[in-house]
Amino acid sequence: MSAEILRTEFKLTFSQENDSCESGDDGQFLTIRTEDAGGGDFFIIKTKRWAINNIDEMIETLNQFKEKYDKLNK
């Protein structure tokens, strides 16, 4: 009997300091992951809050993810 791969996943979690003066805010976290259940990779983004000052910050974060993802999928 051989094991069957049901799902593959790649995940990175990014963090940054909070963008408010409220106490109790432990920062912000953004998780980007892929999931393949047999139909090819889907990209999933999860966060409670991720504030940016300009769109280039988000593009840079996505490019960091893409660089790591591409290295694993050559």
C-alpha atoms as a PDB file:
ATOM      1  CA  MET A   1       0.000   0.000   0.000  1.00  0.00           C
ATOM      2  CA  SER A   2       1.422   3.384  -0.915  1.00  0.00           C
ATOM      3  CA  ALA A   3       0.478   6.746   0.523  1.00  0.00           C
ATOM      4  CA  GLU A   4      -1.340   9.217  -1.700  1.00  0.00           C
ATOM      5  CA  ILE A   5      -0.673  12.949  -1.580  1.00  0.00           C
ATOM      6  CA  LEU A   6      -4.012  14.655  -1.081  1.00  0.00           C
ATOM      7  CA  ARG A   7      -2.905  18.278  -0.870  1.00  0.00           C
ATOM      8  CA  THR A   8       0.262  20.339  -1.104  1.00  0.00           C
ATOM      9  CA  GLU A   9       0.731  23.725   0.489  1.00  0.00           C
ATOM     10  CA  PHE A  10       3.318  26.528   0.658  1.00  0.00           C
ATOM     11  CA  LYS A  11       2.882  29.285   3.244  1.00  0.00           C
ATOM     12  CA  LEU A  12       4.633  32.487   4.341  1.00  0.00           C
ATOM     13  CA  THR A  13       3.535  34.796   7.139  1.00  0.00           C
ATOM     14  CA  PHE A  14       4.655  38.418   7.146  1.00  0.00           C
ATOM     15  CA  SER A  15       4.488  40.773  10.134  1.00  0.00           C
ATOM     16  CA  GLN A  16       4.663  44.494  10.711  1.00  0.00           C
ATOM     17  CA  GLU A  17       4.134  46.904  13.577  1.00  0.00           C
ATOM     18  CA  ASN A  18       0.648  48.177  14.269  1.00  0.00           C
ATOM     19  CA  ASP A  19      -0.548  51.357  12.581  1.00  0.00           C
ATOM     20  CA  SER A  20      -2.488  52.764  15.511  1.00  0.00           C
ATOM     21  CA  CYS A  21      -1.799  54.029  19.016  1.00  0.00           C
ATOM     22  CA  GLU A  22      -4.267  51.635  20.621  1.00  0.00           C
ATOM     23  CA  SER A  23      -2.840  49.538  23.423  1.00  0.00           C
ATOM     24  CA  GLY A  24      -3.097  45.805  23.151  1.00  0.00           C
ATOM     25  CA  ASP A  25      -2.364  45.759  19.415  1.00  0.00           C
ATOM     26  CA  ASP A  26       0.382  43.187  18.956  1.00  0.00           C
ATOM     27  CA  GLY A  27       1.093  44.095  15.371  1.00  0.00           C
ATOM     28  CA  GLN A  28      -0.270  42.947  12.051  1.00  0.00           C
ATOM     29  CA  PHE A  29       0.141  39.619  10.297  1.00  0.00           C
ATOM     30  CA  LEU A  30      -0.453  38.648   6.685  1.00  0.00           C
ATOM     31  CA  THR A  31      -0.368  35.031   5.570  1.00  0.00           C
ATOM     32  CA  ILE A  32      -0.124  34.093   1.912  1.00  0.00           C
ATOM     33  CA  ARG A  33      -0.337  30.443   1.031  1.00  0.00           C
ATOM     34  CA  THR A  34      -0.926  28.158  -1.861  1.00  0.00           C
ATOM     35  CA  GLU A  35      -3.081  25.094  -1.801  1.00  0.00           C
ATOM     36  CA  ASP A  36      -3.315  22.379  -4.415  1.00  0.00           C
ATOM     37  CA  ALA A  37      -5.953  19.713  -3.954  1.00  0.00           C
ATOM     38  CA  GLY A  38      -5.443  18.322  -7.428  1.00  0.00           C
ATOM     39  CA  GLY A  39      -6.489  21.209  -9.675  1.00  0.00           C
ATOM     40  CA  GLY A  40      -3.337  23.318  -9.482  1.00  0.00           C
ATOM     41  CA  ASP A  41      -2.252  25.954  -7.015  1.00  0.00           C
ATOM     42  CA  PHE A  42      -4.674  28.512  -5.667  1.00  0.00           C
ATOM     43  CA  PHE A  43      -3.323  31.522  -3.783  1.00  0.00           C
ATOM     44  CA  ILE A  44      -4.992  32.395  -0.483  1.00  0.00           C
ATOM     45  CA  ILE A  45      -4.434  35.610   1.483  1.00  0.00           C
ATOM     46  CA  LYS A  46      -5.462  35.817   5.133  1.00  0.00           C
ATOM     47  CA  THR A  47      -5.180  38.723   7.559  1.00  0.00           C
ATOM     48  CA  LYS A  48      -7.092  40.390  10.328  1.00  0.00           C
ATOM     49  CA  ARG A  49      -5.562  43.735   9.386  1.00  0.00           C
ATOM     50  CA  TRP A  50      -2.674  44.763   7.109  1.00  0.00           C
ATOM     51  CA  ALA A  51      -2.329  48.512   6.606  1.00  0.00           C
ATOM     52  CA  ILE A  52      -0.065  50.023   3.951  1.00  0.00           C
ATOM     53  CA  ASN A  53       0.914  53.591   3.093  1.00  0.00           C
ATOM     54  CA  ASN A  54       1.130  52.957  -0.643  1.00  0.00           C
ATOM     55  CA  ILE A  55       0.488  50.187  -3.121  1.00  0.00           C
ATOM     56  CA  ASP A  56       4.217  49.614  -3.689  1.00  0.00           C
ATOM     57  CA  GLU A  57       4.463  48.158  -0.170  1.00  0.00           C
ATOM     58  CA  MET A  58       1.883  45.513  -1.040  1.00  0.00           C
ATOM     59  CA  ILE A  59       3.549  44.790  -4.369  1.00  0.00           C
ATOM     60  CA  GLU A  60       6.874  44.299  -2.577  1.00  0.00           C
ATOM     61  CA  THR A  61       5.288  41.837  -0.135  1.00  0.00           C
ATOM     62  CA  LEU A  62       3.704  39.878  -2.984  1.00  0.00           C
ATOM     63  CA  ASN A  63       7.020  39.877  -4.862  1.00  0.00           C
ATOM     64  CA  GLN A  64       8.777  38.444  -1.786  1.00  0.00           C
ATOM     65  CA  PHE A  65       6.231  35.644  -1.702  1.00  0.00           C
ATOM     66  CA  LYS A  66       6.567  35.067  -5.463  1.00  0.00           C
ATOM     67  CA  GLU A  67      10.358  34.843  -5.238  1.00  0.00           C
ATOM     68  CA  LYS A  68      10.232  32.096  -2.594  1.00  0.00           C
ATOM     69  CA  TYR A  69       7.366  30.283  -4.332  1.00  0.00           C
ATOM     70  CA  ASP A  70       9.148  30.337  -7.710  1.00  0.00           C
ATOM     71  CA  LYS A  71      12.342  28.889  -6.196  1.00  0.00           C
ATOM     72  CA  LEU A  72      10.392  25.879  -4.940  1.00  0.00           C
ATOM     73  CA  ASN A  73       8.486  25.345  -8.178  1.00  0.00           C
ATOM     74  CA  LYS A  74      11.219  25.396 -10.815  1.00  0.00           C
END
